[in-house]
PDB file of N, CA and C in Angstrom:
ATOM      1  N   UNK A   1      -7.767 -19.406   1.333  1.00  0.00           N
ATOM      2  CA  UNK A   1      -7.201 -19.014  -0.022  1.00  0.00           C
ATOM      3  C   UNK A   1      -8.020 -17.818  -0.578  1.00  0.00           C
ATOM      4  N   UNK A   2      -9.315 -17.874  -0.386  1.00  0.00           N
ATOM      5  CA  UNK A   2     -10.223 -16.815  -0.940  1.00  0.00           C
ATOM      6  C   UNK A   2      -9.864 -15.518  -0.175  1.00  0.00           C
ATOM      7  N   UNK A   3      -9.650 -15.561   1.085  1.00  0.00           N
ATOM      8  CA  UNK A   3      -9.358 -14.358   1.934  1.00  0.00           C
ATOM      9  C   UNK A   3      -8.071 -13.821   1.444  1.00  0.00           C
ATOM     10  N   UNK A   4      -7.100 -14.605   1.098  1.00  0.00           N
ATOM     11  CA  UNK A   4      -5.811 -14.178   0.782  1.00  0.00           C
ATOM     12  C   UNK A   4      -5.902 -13.427  -0.560  1.00  0.00           C
ATOM     13  N   UNK A   5      -6.696 -13.926  -1.505  1.00  0.00           N
ATOM     14  CA  UNK A   5      -6.921 -13.254  -2.766  1.00  0.00           C
ATOM     15  C   UNK A   5      -7.526 -11.889  -2.645  1.00  0.00           C
ATOM     16  N   UNK A   6      -8.523 -11.813  -1.695  1.00  0.00           N
ATOM     17  CA  UNK A   6      -9.236 -10.573  -1.450  1.00  0.00           C
ATOM     18  C   UNK A   6      -8.248  -9.581  -0.732  1.00  0.00           C
ATOM     19  N   UNK A   7      -7.367 -10.095   0.172  1.00  0.00           N
ATOM     20  CA  UNK A   7      -6.417  -9.245   0.793  1.00  0.00           C
ATOM     21  C   UNK A   7      -5.456  -8.702  -0.229  1.00  0.00           C
ATOM     22  N   UNK A   8      -4.926  -9.502  -1.173  1.00  0.00           N
ATOM     23  CA  UNK A   8      -4.046  -9.003  -2.215  1.00  0.00           C
ATOM     24  C   UNK A   8      -4.726  -7.943  -3.125  1.00  0.00           C
ATOM     25  N   UNK A   9      -5.943  -8.294  -3.434  1.00  0.00           N
ATOM     26  CA  UNK A   9      -6.717  -7.305  -4.282  1.00  0.00           C
ATOM     27  C   UNK A   9      -6.967  -5.990  -3.560  1.00  0.00           C
ATOM     28  N   UNK A  10      -7.281  -6.044  -2.233  1.00  0.00           N
ATOM     29  CA  UNK A  10      -7.469  -4.818  -1.469  1.00  0.00           C
ATOM     30  C   UNK A  10      -6.208  -3.990  -1.389  1.00  0.00           C
ATOM     31  N   UNK A  11      -5.049  -4.764  -1.225  1.00  0.00           N
ATOM     32  CA  UNK A  11      -3.806  -4.071  -1.102  1.00  0.00           C
ATOM     33  C   UNK A  11      -3.433  -3.390  -2.399  1.00  0.00           C
ATOM     34  N   UNK A  12      -3.692  -4.097  -3.550  1.00  0.00           N
ATOM     35  CA  UNK A  12      -3.329  -3.499  -4.877  1.00  0.00           C
ATOM     36  C   UNK A  12      -4.255  -2.266  -5.118  1.00  0.00           C
ATOM     37  N   UNK A  13      -5.466  -2.342  -4.738  1.00  0.00           N
ATOM     38  CA  UNK A  13      -6.366  -1.219  -4.904  1.00  0.00           C
ATOM     39  C   UNK A  13      -5.922   0.007  -4.011  1.00  0.00           C
ATOM     40  N   UNK A  14      -5.588  -0.282  -2.762  1.00  0.00           N
ATOM     41  CA  UNK A  14      -5.095   0.762  -1.850  1.00  0.00           C
ATOM     42  C   UNK A  14      -3.911   1.420  -2.382  1.00  0.00           C
ATOM     43  N   UNK A  15      -2.904   0.652  -2.900  1.00  0.00           N
ATOM     44  CA  UNK A  15      -1.691   1.221  -3.417  1.00  0.00           C
ATOM     45  C   UNK A  15      -1.970   2.077  -4.688  1.00  0.00           C
ATOM     46  N   UNK A  16      -2.873   1.586  -5.525  1.00  0.00           N
ATOM     47  CA  UNK A  16      -3.281   2.342  -6.680  1.00  0.00           C
ATOM     48  C   UNK A  16      -3.948   3.636  -6.297  1.00  0.00           C
ATOM     49  N   UNK A  17      -4.789   3.629  -5.297  1.00  0.00           N
ATOM     50  CA  UNK A  17      -5.430   4.889  -4.850  1.00  0.00           C
ATOM     51  C   UNK A  17      -4.389   5.887  -4.275  1.00  0.00           C
ATOM     52  N   UNK A  18      -3.397   5.362  -3.538  1.00  0.00           N
ATOM     53  CA  UNK A  18      -2.371   6.229  -2.925  1.00  0.00           C
ATOM     54  C   UNK A  18      -1.516   6.831  -4.077  1.00  0.00           C
ATOM     55  N   UNK A  19      -1.198   6.110  -5.136  1.00  0.00           N
ATOM     56  CA  UNK A  19      -0.412   6.577  -6.189  1.00  0.00           C
ATOM     57  C   UNK A  19      -1.174   7.659  -6.987  1.00  0.00           C
ATOM     58  N   UNK A  20      -2.465   7.320  -7.235  1.00  0.00           N
ATOM     59  CA  UNK A  20      -3.311   8.276  -8.063  1.00  0.00           C
ATOM     60  C   UNK A  20      -3.622   9.556  -7.243  1.00  0.00           C
ATOM     61  N   UNK A  21      -3.586   9.516  -5.962  1.00  0.00           N
ATOM     62  CA  UNK A  21      -3.833  10.797  -5.178  1.00  0.00           C
ATOM     63  C   UNK A  21      -2.564  11.433  -4.758  1.00  0.00           C
ATOM     64  N   UNK A  22      -1.405  11.073  -5.331  1.00  0.00           N
ATOM     65  CA  UNK A  22      -0.128  11.659  -5.109  1.00  0.00           C
ATOM     66  C   UNK A  22       0.330  11.537  -3.699  1.00  0.00           C
ATOM     67  N   UNK A  23      -0.190  10.574  -2.908  1.00  0.00           N
ATOM     68  CA  UNK A  23       0.361  10.363  -1.629  1.00  0.00           C
ATOM     69  C   UNK A  23       1.714   9.603  -1.669  1.00  0.00           C
ATOM     70  N   UNK A  24       1.757   8.772  -2.744  1.00  0.00           N
ATOM     71  CA  UNK A  24       2.996   8.120  -3.018  1.00  0.00           C
ATOM     72  C   UNK A  24       3.360   8.472  -4.517  1.00  0.00           C
ATOM     73  N   UNK A  25       4.683   8.864  -4.635  1.00  0.00           N
ATOM     74  CA  UNK A  25       5.201   9.138  -5.976  1.00  0.00           C
ATOM     75  C   UNK A  25       6.265   8.139  -6.298  1.00  0.00           C
ATOM     76  N   UNK A  26       6.137   7.476  -7.462  1.00  0.00           N
ATOM     77  CA  UNK A  26       7.126   6.505  -7.849  1.00  0.00           C
ATOM     78  C   UNK A  26       7.768   7.050  -9.171  1.00  0.00           C
ATOM     79  N   UNK A  27       9.126   7.168  -9.133  1.00  0.00           N
ATOM     80  CA  UNK A  27       9.838   7.655 -10.292  1.00  0.00           C
ATOM     81  C   UNK A  27      10.888   6.646 -10.657  1.00  0.00           C
ATOM     82  N   UNK A  28      11.009   6.248 -11.897  1.00  0.00           N
ATOM     83  CA  UNK A  28      12.085   5.336 -12.348  1.00  0.00           C
ATOM     84  C   UNK A  28      13.344   6.187 -12.542  1.00  0.00           C
ATOM     85  N   UNK A  29      14.385   5.777 -11.780  1.00  0.00           N
ATOM     86  CA  UNK A  29      15.634   6.611 -11.873  1.00  0.00           C
ATOM     87  C   UNK A  29      16.741   5.876 -12.617  1.00  0.00           C
ATOM     88  N   UNK A  30      16.497   4.640 -12.964  1.00  0.00           N
ATOM     89  CA  UNK A  30      17.390   3.879 -13.789  1.00  0.00           C
ATOM     90  C   UNK A  30      16.698   2.805 -14.589  1.00  0.00           C
ATOM     91  N   UNK A  31      16.999   2.802 -15.909  1.00  0.00           N
ATOM     92  CA  UNK A  31      16.277   1.821 -16.779  1.00  0.00           C
ATOM     93  C   UNK A  31      16.795   0.410 -16.528  1.00  0.00           C
ATOM     94  N   UNK A  32      15.998  -0.579 -16.802  1.00  0.00           N
ATOM     95  CA  UNK A  32      16.346  -1.956 -16.682  1.00  0.00           C
ATOM     96  C   UNK A  32      16.669  -2.489 -18.053  1.00  0.00           C
ATOM     97  N   UNK A  33      17.387  -3.591 -18.103  1.00  0.00           N
ATOM     98  CA  UNK A  33      17.700  -4.323 -19.334  1.00  0.00           C
ATOM     99  C   UNK A  33      17.690  -5.791 -19.092  1.00  0.00           C
ATOM    100  N   UNK A  34      17.456  -6.484 -20.095  1.00  0.00           N
ATOM    101  CA  UNK A  34      17.480  -7.971 -20.049  1.00  0.00           C
ATOM    102  C   UNK A  34      18.867  -8.502 -20.022  1.00  0.00           C
ATOM    103  N   UNK A  35      19.134  -9.625 -19.346  1.00  0.00           N
ATOM    104  CA  UNK A  35      20.487 -10.165 -19.406  1.00  0.00           C
ATOM    105  C   UNK A  35      20.745 -10.752 -20.789  1.00  0.00           C
ATOM    106  N   UNK A  36      22.020 -10.750 -21.183  1.00  0.00           N
ATOM    107  CA  UNK A  36      22.525 -11.382 -22.383  1.00  0.00           C
ATOM    108  C   UNK A  36      22.809 -12.853 -22.001  1.00  0.00           C
ATOM    109  N   UNK A  37      21.912 -13.760 -22.523  1.00  0.00           N
ATOM    110  CA  UNK A  37      22.053 -15.148 -22.041  1.00  0.00           C
ATOM    111  C   UNK A  37      22.472 -16.049 -23.243  1.00  0.00           C
ATOM    112  N   UNK A  38      23.466 -16.831 -22.944  1.00  0.00           N
ATOM    113  CA  UNK A  38      23.830 -17.956 -23.766  1.00  0.00           C
ATOM    114  C   UNK A  38      23.786 -19.134 -22.793  1.00  0.00           C
ATOM    115  N   UNK A  39      24.658 -20.128 -23.051  1.00  0.00           N
ATOM    116  CA  UNK A  39      24.640 -21.268 -22.245  1.00  0.00           C
ATOM    117  C   UNK A  39      25.150 -20.837 -20.779  1.00  0.00           C
ATOM    118  N   UNK A  40      25.928 -19.861 -20.761  1.00  0.00           N
ATOM    119  CA  UNK A  40      26.348 -19.175 -19.465  1.00  0.00           C
ATOM    120  C   UNK A  40      25.909 -17.749 -19.574  1.00  0.00           C
ATOM    121  N   UNK A  41      25.724 -17.189 -18.446  1.00  0.00           N
ATOM    122  CA  UNK A  41      25.334 -15.762 -18.417  1.00  0.00           C
ATOM    123  C   UNK A  41      26.628 -14.879 -18.539  1.00  0.00           C
ATOM    124  N   UNK A  42      26.621 -14.141 -19.719  1.00  0.00           N
ATOM    125  CA  UNK A  42      27.754 -13.287 -19.905  1.00  0.00           C
ATOM    126  C   UNK A  42      27.557 -11.932 -19.215  1.00  0.00           C
ATOM    127  N   UNK A  43      26.322 -11.467 -19.236  1.00  0.00           N
ATOM    128  CA  UNK A  43      25.956 -10.181 -18.588  1.00  0.00           C
ATOM    129  C   UNK A  43      24.787 -10.494 -17.733  1.00  0.00           C
ATOM    130  N   UNK A  44      24.873 -10.309 -16.453  1.00  0.00           N
ATOM    131  CA  UNK A  44      23.742 -10.668 -15.575  1.00  0.00           C
ATOM    132  C   UNK A  44      22.577  -9.728 -15.675  1.00  0.00           C
ATOM    133  N   UNK A  45      22.630  -8.667 -16.448  1.00  0.00           N
ATOM    134  CA  UNK A  45      21.551  -7.668 -16.593  1.00  0.00           C
ATOM    135  C   UNK A  45      21.365  -6.792 -15.400  1.00  0.00           C
ATOM    136  N   UNK A  46      20.413  -6.017 -15.402  1.00  0.00           N
ATOM    137  CA  UNK A  46      20.239  -5.028 -14.321  1.00  0.00           C
ATOM    138  C   UNK A  46      18.699  -4.745 -14.168  1.00  0.00           C
ATOM    139  N   UNK A  47      18.336  -4.791 -12.980  1.00  0.00           N
ATOM    140  CA  UNK A  47      16.943  -4.411 -12.593  1.00  0.00           C
ATOM    141  C   UNK A  47      16.797  -2.910 -12.625  1.00  0.00           C
ATOM    142  N   UNK A  48      15.672  -2.417 -12.912  1.00  0.00           N
ATOM    143  CA  UNK A  48      15.537  -0.916 -12.851  1.00  0.00           C
ATOM    144  C   UNK A  48      15.527  -0.435 -11.402  1.00  0.00           C
ATOM    145  N   UNK A  49      15.908   0.723 -11.134  1.00  0.00           N
ATOM    146  CA  UNK A  49      15.905   1.305  -9.805  1.00  0.00           C
ATOM    147  C   UNK A  49      14.817   2.345  -9.752  1.00  0.00           C
ATOM    148  N   UNK A  50      14.136   2.403  -8.632  1.00  0.00           N
ATOM    149  CA  UNK A  50      12.990   3.375  -8.409  1.00  0.00           C
ATOM    150  C   UNK A  50      13.317   4.143  -7.144  1.00  0.00           C
ATOM    151  N   UNK A  51      12.859   5.360  -7.127  1.00  0.00           N
ATOM    152  CA  UNK A  51      12.897   6.250  -5.963  1.00  0.00           C
ATOM    153  C   UNK A  51      11.448   6.424  -5.585  1.00  0.00           C
ATOM    154  N   UNK A  52      11.101   6.028  -4.383  1.00  0.00           N
ATOM    155  CA  UNK A  52       9.684   6.203  -3.977  1.00  0.00           C
ATOM    156  C   UNK A  52       9.586   7.267  -2.903  1.00  0.00           C
ATOM    157  N   UNK A  53       8.763   8.254  -3.118  1.00  0.00           N
ATOM    158  CA  UNK A  53       8.589   9.330  -2.162  1.00  0.00           C
ATOM    159  C   UNK A  53       7.207   9.197  -1.559  1.00  0.00           C
ATOM    160  N   UNK A  54       7.028   9.219  -0.303  1.00  0.00           N
ATOM    161  CA  UNK A  54       5.708   9.094   0.283  1.00  0.00           C
ATOM    162  C   UNK A  54       5.337  10.312   0.994  1.00  0.00           C
ATOM    163  N   UNK A  55       4.099  10.575   1.160  1.00  0.00           N
ATOM    164  CA  UNK A  55       3.582  11.724   1.885  1.00  0.00           C
ATOM    165  C   UNK A  55       3.745  11.562   3.409  1.00  0.00           C
ATOM    166  N   UNK A  56       3.771  12.616   4.128  1.00  0.00           N
ATOM    167  CA  UNK A  56       3.939  12.599   5.569  1.00  0.00           C
ATOM    168  C   UNK A  56       2.518  12.347   6.214  1.00  0.00           C
ATOM    169  N   UNK A  57       2.475  11.602   7.252  1.00  0.00           N
ATOM    170  CA  UNK A  57       1.292  11.317   7.967  1.00  0.00           C
ATOM    171  C   UNK A  57       1.587  11.638   9.450  1.00  0.00           C
ATOM    172  N   UNK A  58       0.851  12.571  10.027  1.00  0.00           N
ATOM    173  CA  UNK A  58       1.045  12.988  11.397  1.00  0.00           C
ATOM    174  C   UNK A  58      -0.197  12.468  12.122  1.00  0.00           C
ATOM    175  N   UNK A  59       0.087  11.664  13.203  1.00  0.00           N
ATOM    176  CA  UNK A  59      -1.014  11.085  14.023  1.00  0.00           C
ATOM    177  C   UNK A  59      -0.907  11.650  15.423  1.00  0.00           C
ATOM    178  N   UNK A  60      -1.980  12.203  15.886  1.00  0.00           N
ATOM    179  CA  UNK A  60      -1.974  12.768  17.268  1.00  0.00           C
ATOM    180  C   UNK A  60      -3.133  12.149  18.048  1.00  0.00           C
ATOM    181  N   UNK A  61      -3.055  12.238  19.339  1.00  0.00           N
ATOM    182  CA  UNK A  61      -4.153  11.707  20.179  1.00  0.00           C
ATOM    183  C   UNK A  61      -4.614  12.926  21.039  1.00  0.00           C
ATOM    184  N   UNK A  62      -5.811  12.873  21.442  1.00  0.00           N
ATOM    185  CA  UNK A  62      -6.427  13.947  22.266  1.00  0.00           C
ATOM    186  C   UNK A  62      -7.413  13.305  23.220  1.00  0.00           C
ATOM    187  N   UNK A  63      -7.349  13.705  24.461  1.00  0.00           N
ATOM    188  CA  UNK A  63      -8.261  13.133  25.432  1.00  0.00           C
ATOM    189  C   UNK A  63      -9.478  14.028  25.617  1.00  0.00           C
ATOM    190  N   UNK A  64     -10.642  13.504  25.549  1.00  0.00           N
ATOM    191  CA  UNK A  64     -11.827  14.315  25.687  1.00  0.00           C
ATOM    192  C   UNK A  64     -12.812  13.535  26.504  1.00  0.00           C
ATOM    193  N   UNK A  65     -13.696  14.287  27.207  1.00  0.00           N
ATOM    194  CA  UNK A  65     -14.822  13.648  27.937  1.00  0.00           C
ATOM    195  C   UNK A  65     -16.088  13.894  27.177  1.00  0.00           C
ATOM    196  N   UNK A  66     -16.820  12.790  26.876  1.00  0.00           N
ATOM    197  CA  UNK A  66     -18.078  12.952  26.102  1.00  0.00           C
ATOM    198  C   UNK A  66     -19.185  12.361  26.901  1.00  0.00           C
ATOM    199  N   UNK A  67     -20.393  12.831  26.667  1.00  0.00           N
ATOM    200  CA  UNK A  67     -21.555  12.282  27.335  1.00  0.00           C
ATOM    201  C   UNK A  67     -22.199  11.185  26.385  1.00  0.00           C
ATOM    202  N   UNK A  68     -22.317  10.026  27.025  1.00  0.00           N
ATOM    203  CA  UNK A  68     -22.871   8.812  26.296  1.00  0.00           C
ATOM    204  C   UNK A  68     -24.250   8.630  26.770  1.00  0.00           C
ATOM    205  N   UNK A  69     -25.232   8.544  25.864  1.00  0.00           N
ATOM    206  CA  UNK A  69     -26.572   8.304  26.341  1.00  0.00           C
ATOM    207  C   UNK A  69     -26.794   6.850  26.851  1.00  0.00           C
ATOM    208  N   UNK A  70     -27.694   6.652  27.737  1.00  0.00           N
ATOM    209  CA  UNK A  70     -28.022   5.393  28.280  1.00  0.00           C
ATOM    210  C   UNK A  70     -29.129   4.819  27.394  1.00  0.00           C
ATOM    211  N   UNK A  71     -28.987   3.508  27.099  1.00  0.00           N
ATOM    212  CA  UNK A  71     -29.892   2.855  26.249  1.00  0.00           C
ATOM    213  C   UNK A  71     -30.530   1.711  27.060  1.00  0.00           C
ATOM    214  N   UNK A  72     -31.880   1.612  27.037  1.00  0.00           N
ATOM    215  CA  UNK A  72     -32.497   0.480  27.742  1.00  0.00           C
ATOM    216  C   UNK A  72     -33.117  -0.415  26.567  1.00  0.00           C
ATOM    217  N   UNK A  73     -32.954  -1.663  26.768  1.00  0.00           N
ATOM    218  CA  UNK A  73     -33.456  -2.580  25.755  1.00  0.00           C
ATOM    219  C   UNK A  73     -34.477  -3.484  26.494  1.00  0.00           C
ATOM    220  N   UNK A  74     -35.717  -3.373  25.875  1.00  0.00           N
ATOM    221  CA  UNK A  74     -36.747  -4.270  26.435  1.00  0.00           C
ATOM    222  C   UNK A  74     -37.106  -5.318  25.480  1.00  0.00           C
ATOM    223  N   UNK A  75     -36.868  -6.642  25.887  1.00  0.00           N
ATOM    224  CA  UNK A  75     -37.130  -7.734  24.953  1.00  0.00           C
ATOM    225  C   UNK A  75     -38.586  -7.780  24.491  1.00  0.00           C
ATOM    226  N   UNK A  76     -38.884  -8.228  23.356  1.00  0.00           N
ATOM    227  CA  UNK A  76     -40.250  -8.433  22.874  1.00  0.00           C
ATOM    228  C   UNK A  76     -40.943  -9.564  23.642  1.00  0.00           C
ATOM    229  N   UNK A  77     -42.198  -9.386  23.881  1.00  0.00           N
ATOM    230  CA  UNK A  77     -43.008 -10.410  24.607  1.00  0.00           C
ATOM    231  C   UNK A  77     -43.761 -11.224  23.696  1.00  0.00           C
TER     232      UNK A  77
END
C-alpha cells in the first residue's frame, strides 16, 4: 500500500514537471457543467473536453566499443 502511494505521488510529480516544462500542453476546449438533477435526471450534464498536446521524443541507439578497466578485489585479512 505504501509503495502504491509513493508510485502515485511520483506519477503526479512527473506529470506536473512535464506540464511546467511545456513538454505537455493541456488546453480546455469545452467547458463543463453540472447536471440538472431532480428525482430523475433531466439533463445529464457534460464533462469538459481537453486537447492534450505532447512533445516529440526521438530515441535512437548507437553501437560503440568502449574499454572497460579490470578491477581486482582483495578481501581484507
